[in-house]
Amino acid sequence: MDQQKLIALLMQQEYVPGEWLGAQLSVTRDGVRKAVEALRQAGWAVESAQGRGYRLVPPKNAVWPS
């Protein structure tokens, strides 16, 4: 899976549903879960919330682009 694309999709909004991510990346929700876990293993802070989806957690003092 293209991790760069996953990161770009996660940066688009506060929470991104796993089902939507799977459709955009042409993988199952389980594939999304595994890709998110790989990002976490690579040092990315990705939060998940049941019923909401996934989001990148910005580092302290970070400013999101407008």
PDB file of N, CA and C in Angstrom:
ATOM      1  N   MET A   1       0.847  -1.185   0.000  1.00  0.00           N
ATOM      2  CA  MET A   1       0.000   0.000   0.000  1.00  0.00           C
ATOM      3  C   MET A   1       0.885   1.239   0.000  1.00  0.00           C
ATOM      4  N   ASP A   2       0.384   2.257  -0.611  1.00  0.00           N
ATOM      5  CA  ASP A   2       1.103   3.531  -0.702  1.00  0.00           C
ATOM      6  C   ASP A   2       0.925   4.318   0.600  1.00  0.00           C
ATOM      7  N   GLN A   3       1.948   4.292   1.466  1.00  0.00           N
ATOM      8  CA  GLN A   3       1.849   4.982   2.754  1.00  0.00           C
ATOM      9  C   GLN A   3       1.738   6.491   2.581  1.00  0.00           C
ATOM     10  N   GLN A   4       2.377   7.032   1.555  1.00  0.00           N
ATOM     11  CA  GLN A   4       2.291   8.482   1.309  1.00  0.00           C
ATOM     12  C   GLN A   4       0.843   8.887   1.038  1.00  0.00           C
ATOM     13  N   LYS A   5       0.145   8.085   0.262  1.00  0.00           N
ATOM     14  CA  LYS A   5      -1.256   8.388  -0.041  1.00  0.00           C
ATOM     15  C   LYS A   5      -2.109   8.280   1.219  1.00  0.00           C
ATOM     16  N   LEU A   6      -1.845   7.272   2.028  1.00  0.00           N
ATOM     17  CA  LEU A   6      -2.586   7.114   3.281  1.00  0.00           C
ATOM     18  C   LEU A   6      -2.375   8.333   4.175  1.00  0.00           C
ATOM     19  N   ILE A   7      -1.140   8.785   4.299  1.00  0.00           N
ATOM     20  CA  ILE A   7      -0.852   9.967   5.114  1.00  0.00           C
ATOM     21  C   ILE A   7      -1.586  11.183   4.565  1.00  0.00           C
ATOM     22  N   ALA A   8      -1.558  11.353   3.258  1.00  0.00           N
ATOM     23  CA  ALA A   8      -2.245  12.494   2.641  1.00  0.00           C
ATOM     24  C   ALA A   8      -3.742  12.442   2.920  1.00  0.00           C
ATOM     25  N   LEU A   9      -4.335  11.266   2.838  1.00  0.00           N
ATOM     26  CA  LEU A   9      -5.769  11.127   3.108  1.00  0.00           C
ATOM     27  C   LEU A   9      -6.079  11.421   4.573  1.00  0.00           C
ATOM     28  N   LEU A  10      -5.226  10.961   5.466  1.00  0.00           N
ATOM     29  CA  LEU A  10      -5.437  11.210   6.892  1.00  0.00           C
ATOM     30  C   LEU A  10      -5.308  12.691   7.240  1.00  0.00           C
ATOM     31  N   MET A  11      -4.568  13.423   6.453  1.00  0.00           N
ATOM     32  CA  MET A  11      -4.370  14.849   6.727  1.00  0.00           C
ATOM     33  C   MET A  11      -5.534  15.706   6.224  1.00  0.00           C
ATOM     34  N   GLN A  12      -6.454  15.127   5.475  1.00  0.00           N
ATOM     35  CA  GLN A  12      -7.531  15.899   4.873  1.00  0.00           C
ATOM     36  C   GLN A  12      -8.580  16.391   5.855  1.00  0.00           C
ATOM     37  N   GLN A  13      -8.801  15.667   6.924  1.00  0.00           N
ATOM     38  CA  GLN A  13      -9.852  16.054   7.866  1.00  0.00           C
ATOM     39  C   GLN A  13      -9.546  15.499   9.249  1.00  0.00           C
ATOM     40  N   GLU A  14     -10.326  15.921  10.217  1.00  0.00           N
ATOM     41  CA  GLU A  14     -10.100  15.527  11.607  1.00  0.00           C
ATOM     42  C   GLU A  14     -10.113  14.003  11.760  1.00  0.00           C
ATOM     43  N   TYR A  15     -11.229  13.350  11.477  1.00  0.00           N
ATOM     44  CA  TYR A  15     -11.322  11.892  11.524  1.00  0.00           C
ATOM     45  C   TYR A  15     -11.727  11.386  10.152  1.00  0.00           C
ATOM     46  N   VAL A  16     -11.119  10.287   9.735  1.00  0.00           N
ATOM     47  CA  VAL A  16     -11.386   9.709   8.424  1.00  0.00           C
ATOM     48  C   VAL A  16     -11.875   8.279   8.638  1.00  0.00           C
ATOM     49  N   PRO A  17     -13.095   7.962   8.195  1.00  0.00           N
ATOM     50  CA  PRO A  17     -13.618   6.610   8.382  1.00  0.00           C
ATOM     51  C   PRO A  17     -12.769   5.558   7.656  1.00  0.00           C
ATOM     52  N   GLY A  18     -12.571   4.417   8.312  1.00  0.00           N
ATOM     53  CA  GLY A  18     -11.798   3.331   7.719  1.00  0.00           C
ATOM     54  C   GLY A  18     -12.395   2.827   6.423  1.00  0.00           C
ATOM     55  N   GLU A  19     -13.714   2.784   6.352  1.00  0.00           N
ATOM     56  CA  GLU A  19     -14.383   2.316   5.131  1.00  0.00           C
ATOM     57  C   GLU A  19     -14.063   3.241   3.953  1.00  0.00           C
ATOM     58  N   TRP A  20     -14.086   4.540   4.197  1.00  0.00           N
ATOM     59  CA  TRP A  20     -13.772   5.516   3.145  1.00  0.00           C
ATOM     60  C   TRP A  20     -12.312   5.392   2.729  1.00  0.00           C
ATOM     61  N   LEU A  21     -11.409   5.255   3.714  1.00  0.00           N
ATOM     62  CA  LEU A  21      -9.994   5.075   3.394  1.00  0.00           C
ATOM     63  C   LEU A  21      -9.793   3.832   2.532  1.00  0.00           C
ATOM     64  N   GLY A  22     -10.467   2.752   2.896  1.00  0.00           N
ATOM     65  CA  GLY A  22     -10.355   1.518   2.127  1.00  0.00           C
ATOM     66  C   GLY A  22     -10.795   1.703   0.688  1.00  0.00           C
ATOM     67  N   ALA A  23     -11.883   2.444   0.491  1.00  0.00           N
ATOM     68  CA  ALA A  23     -12.371   2.694  -0.874  1.00  0.00           C
ATOM     69  C   ALA A  23     -11.363   3.523  -1.662  1.00  0.00           C
ATOM     70  N   GLN A  24     -10.762   4.512  -1.023  1.00  0.00           N
ATOM     71  CA  GLN A  24      -9.796   5.373  -1.704  1.00  0.00           C
ATOM     72  C   GLN A  24      -8.510   4.627  -2.039  1.00  0.00           C
ATOM     73  N   LEU A  25      -8.152   3.654  -1.207  1.00  0.00           N
ATOM     74  CA  LEU A  25      -6.893   2.925  -1.373  1.00  0.00           C
ATOM     75  C   LEU A  25      -7.081   1.546  -2.015  1.00  0.00           C
ATOM     76  N   SER A  26      -8.333   1.210  -2.313  1.00  0.00           N
ATOM     77  CA  SER A  26      -8.670  -0.089  -2.920  1.00  0.00           C
ATOM     78  C   SER A  26      -8.225  -1.268  -2.055  1.00  0.00           C
ATOM     79  N   VAL A  27      -8.490  -1.151  -0.756  1.00  0.00           N
ATOM     80  CA  VAL A  27      -8.198  -2.237   0.184  1.00  0.00           C
ATOM     81  C   VAL A  27      -9.391  -2.399   1.124  1.00  0.00           C
ATOM     82  N   THR A  28      -9.396  -3.489   1.859  1.00  0.00           N
ATOM     83  CA  THR A  28     -10.455  -3.721   2.846  1.00  0.00           C
ATOM     84  C   THR A  28     -10.199  -2.868   4.087  1.00  0.00           C
ATOM     85  N   ARG A  29     -11.189  -2.823   4.969  1.00  0.00           N
ATOM     86  CA  ARG A  29     -10.985  -2.110   6.231  1.00  0.00           C
ATOM     87  C   ARG A  29      -9.882  -2.761   7.051  1.00  0.00           C
ATOM     88  N   ASP A  30      -9.752  -4.082   6.935  1.00  0.00           N
ATOM     89  CA  ASP A  30      -8.663  -4.766   7.627  1.00  0.00           C
ATOM     90  C   ASP A  30      -7.316  -4.343   7.032  1.00  0.00           C
ATOM     91  N   GLY A  31      -7.276  -4.144   5.718  1.00  0.00           N
ATOM     92  CA  GLY A  31      -6.065  -3.646   5.078  1.00  0.00           C
ATOM     93  C   GLY A  31      -5.704  -2.257   5.573  1.00  0.00           C
ATOM     94  N   VAL A  32      -6.728  -1.437   5.788  1.00  0.00           N
ATOM     95  CA  VAL A  32      -6.507  -0.095   6.336  1.00  0.00           C
ATOM     96  C   VAL A  32      -5.937  -0.203   7.744  1.00  0.00           C
ATOM     97  N   ARG A  33      -6.525  -1.067   8.544  1.00  0.00           N
ATOM     98  CA  ARG A  33      -6.054  -1.244   9.920  1.00  0.00           C
ATOM     99  C   ARG A  33      -4.583  -1.659   9.943  1.00  0.00           C
ATOM    100  N   LYS A  34      -4.212  -2.577   9.076  1.00  0.00           N
ATOM    101  CA  LYS A  34      -2.818  -3.028   9.011  1.00  0.00           C
ATOM    102  C   LYS A  34      -1.893  -1.905   8.539  1.00  0.00           C
ATOM    103  N   ALA A  35      -2.354  -1.115   7.580  1.00  0.00           N
ATOM    104  CA  ALA A  35      -1.541   0.001   7.078  1.00  0.00           C
ATOM    105  C   ALA A  35      -1.358   1.064   8.156  1.00  0.00           C
ATOM    106  N   VAL A  36      -2.417   1.324   8.927  1.00  0.00           N
ATOM    107  CA  VAL A  36      -2.324   2.289  10.023  1.00  0.00           C
ATOM    108  C   VAL A  36      -1.345   1.770  11.068  1.00  0.00           C
ATOM    109  N   GLU A  37      -1.389   0.488  11.359  1.00  0.00           N
ATOM    110  CA  GLU A  37      -0.451  -0.089  12.327  1.00  0.00           C
ATOM    111  C   GLU A  37       0.984   0.037  11.822  1.00  0.00           C
ATOM    112  N   ALA A  38       1.183  -0.131  10.519  1.00  0.00           N
ATOM    113  CA  ALA A  38       2.531   0.033   9.952  1.00  0.00           C
ATOM    114  C   ALA A  38       3.004   1.478  10.112  1.00  0.00           C
ATOM    115  N   LEU A  39       2.093   2.446   9.935  1.00  0.00           N
ATOM    116  CA  LEU A  39       2.454   3.847  10.151  1.00  0.00           C
ATOM    117  C   LEU A  39       2.865   4.072  11.604  1.00  0.00           C
ATOM    118  N   ARG A  40       2.103   3.494  12.512  1.00  0.00           N
ATOM    119  CA  ARG A  40       2.433   3.633  13.934  1.00  0.00           C
ATOM    120  C   ARG A  40       3.807   3.045  14.229  1.00  0.00           C
ATOM    121  N   GLN A  41       4.086   1.887  13.647  1.00  0.00           N
ATOM    122  CA  GLN A  41       5.396   1.252  13.849  1.00  0.00           C
ATOM    123  C   GLN A  41       6.525   2.110  13.290  1.00  0.00           C
ATOM    124  N   ALA A  42       6.195   2.911  12.264  1.00  0.00           N
ATOM    125  CA  ALA A  42       7.187   3.797  11.652  1.00  0.00           C
ATOM    126  C   ALA A  42       7.318   5.117  12.404  1.00  0.00           C
ATOM    127  N   GLY A  43       6.545   5.275  13.492  1.00  0.00           N
ATOM    128  CA  GLY A  43       6.678   6.457  14.324  1.00  0.00           C
ATOM    129  C   GLY A  43       5.593   7.510  14.167  1.00  0.00           C
ATOM    130  N   TRP A  44       4.616   7.268  13.308  1.00  0.00           N
ATOM    131  CA  TRP A  44       3.513   8.223  13.143  1.00  0.00           C
ATOM    132  C   TRP A  44       2.517   8.052  14.288  1.00  0.00           C
ATOM    133  N   ALA A  45       1.986   9.144  14.778  1.00  0.00           N
ATOM    134  CA  ALA A  45       0.963   9.104  15.825  1.00  0.00           C
ATOM    135  C   ALA A  45      -0.403   9.115  15.139  1.00  0.00           C
ATOM    136  N   VAL A  46      -1.042   7.955  15.118  1.00  0.00           N
ATOM    137  CA  VAL A  46      -2.361   7.826  14.502  1.00  0.00           C
ATOM    138  C   VAL A  46      -3.319   7.364  15.581  1.00  0.00           C
ATOM    139  N   GLU A  47      -4.384   8.117  15.753  1.00  0.00           N
ATOM    140  CA  GLU A  47      -5.397   7.801  16.755  1.00  0.00           C
ATOM    141  C   GLU A  47      -6.591   7.182  16.047  1.00  0.00           C
ATOM    142  N   SER A  48      -7.245   6.256  16.714  1.00  0.00           N
ATOM    143  CA  SER A  48      -8.474   5.688  16.155  1.00  0.00           C
ATOM    144  C   SER A  48      -9.585   5.829  17.183  1.00  0.00           C
ATOM    145  N   ALA A  49     -10.792   6.064  16.684  1.00  0.00           N
ATOM    146  CA  ALA A  49     -11.959   6.191  17.551  1.00  0.00           C
ATOM    147  C   ALA A  49     -13.104   5.423  16.908  1.00  0.00           C
ATOM    148  N   GLN A  50     -13.663   4.486  17.652  1.00  0.00           N
ATOM    149  CA  GLN A  50     -14.748   3.667  17.128  1.00  0.00           C
ATOM    150  C   GLN A  50     -15.902   4.551  16.684  1.00  0.00           C
ATOM    151  N   GLY A  51     -16.379   4.309  15.482  1.00  0.00           N
ATOM    152  CA  GLY A  51     -17.496   5.073  14.947  1.00  0.00           C
ATOM    153  C   GLY A  51     -17.086   6.382  14.291  1.00  0.00           C
ATOM    154  N   ARG A  52     -15.813   6.760  14.425  1.00  0.00           N
ATOM    155  CA  ARG A  52     -15.332   8.023  13.837  1.00  0.00           C
ATOM    156  C   ARG A  52     -14.260   7.774  12.786  1.00  0.00           C
ATOM    157  N   GLY A  53     -13.323   6.869  13.064  1.00  0.00           N
ATOM    158  CA  GLY A  53     -12.269   6.565  12.117  1.00  0.00           C
ATOM    159  C   GLY A  53     -10.892   6.839  12.676  1.00  0.00           C
ATOM    160  N   TYR A  54     -10.009   7.260  11.787  1.00  0.00           N
ATOM    161  CA  TYR A  54      -8.605   7.493  12.128  1.00  0.00           C
ATOM    162  C   TYR A  54      -8.254   8.955  11.934  1.00  0.00           C
ATOM    163  N   ARG A  55      -7.234   9.403  12.673  1.00  0.00           N
ATOM    164  CA  ARG A  55      -6.715  10.750  12.459  1.00  0.00           C
ATOM    165  C   ARG A  55      -5.252  10.784  12.846  1.00  0.00           C
ATOM    166  N   LEU A  56      -4.518  11.658  12.188  1.00  0.00           N
ATOM    167  CA  LEU A  56      -3.141  11.908  12.584  1.00  0.00           C
ATOM    168  C   LEU A  56      -3.169  12.821  13.795  1.00  0.00           C
ATOM    169  N   VAL A  57      -2.346  12.526  14.763  1.00  0.00           N
ATOM    170  CA  VAL A  57      -2.266  13.362  15.955  1.00  0.00           C
ATOM    171  C   VAL A  57      -1.082  14.304  15.768  1.00  0.00           C
ATOM    172  N   PRO A  58      -1.362  15.607  15.685  1.00  0.00           N
ATOM    173  CA  PRO A  58      -0.261  16.545  15.472  1.00  0.00           C
ATOM    174  C   PRO A  58       0.632  16.634  16.703  1.00  0.00           C
ATOM    175  N   PRO A  59       1.926  16.840  16.484  1.00  0.00           N
ATOM    176  CA  PRO A  59       2.805  17.044  17.633  1.00  0.00           C
ATOM    177  C   PRO A  59       2.432  18.333  18.360  1.00  0.00           C
ATOM    178  N   LYS A  60       2.798  18.420  19.604  1.00  0.00           N
ATOM    179  CA  LYS A  60       2.519  19.643  20.365  1.00  0.00           C
ATOM    180  C   LYS A  60       3.141  20.830  19.651  1.00  0.00           C
ATOM    181  N   ASN A  61       2.443  21.949  19.697  1.00  0.00           N
ATOM    182  CA  ASN A  61       2.880  23.202  19.073  1.00  0.00           C
ATOM    183  C   ASN A  61       2.846  23.166  17.546  1.00  0.00           C
ATOM    184  N   ALA A  62       2.272  22.115  16.960  1.00  0.00           N
ATOM    185  CA  ALA A  62       2.175  22.061  15.505  1.00  0.00           C
ATOM    186  C   ALA A  62       0.996  22.907  15.042  1.00  0.00           C
ATOM    187  N   VAL A  63       1.112  23.458  13.878  1.00  0.00           N
ATOM    188  CA  VAL A  63       0.030  24.235  13.280  1.00  0.00           C
ATOM    189  C   VAL A  63      -0.407  23.507  12.017  1.00  0.00           C
ATOM    190  N   TRP A  64      -1.699  23.175  11.963  1.00  0.00           N
ATOM    191  CA  TRP A  64      -2.229  22.522  10.765  1.00  0.00           C
ATOM    192  C   TRP A  64      -2.330  23.547   9.650  1.00  0.00           C
ATOM    193  N   PRO A  65      -1.986  23.154   8.424  1.00  0.00           N
ATOM    194  CA  PRO A  65      -2.142  24.083   7.304  1.00  0.00           C
ATOM    195  C   PRO A  65      -3.617  24.406   7.091  1.00  0.00           C
ATOM    196  N   SER A  66      -3.923  25.630   6.712  1.00  0.00           N
ATOM    197  CA  SER A  66      -5.322  26.037   6.501  1.00  0.00           C
ATOM    198  C   SER A  66      -5.735  25.821   5.070  1.00  0.00           C
TER     199      SER A  66
END
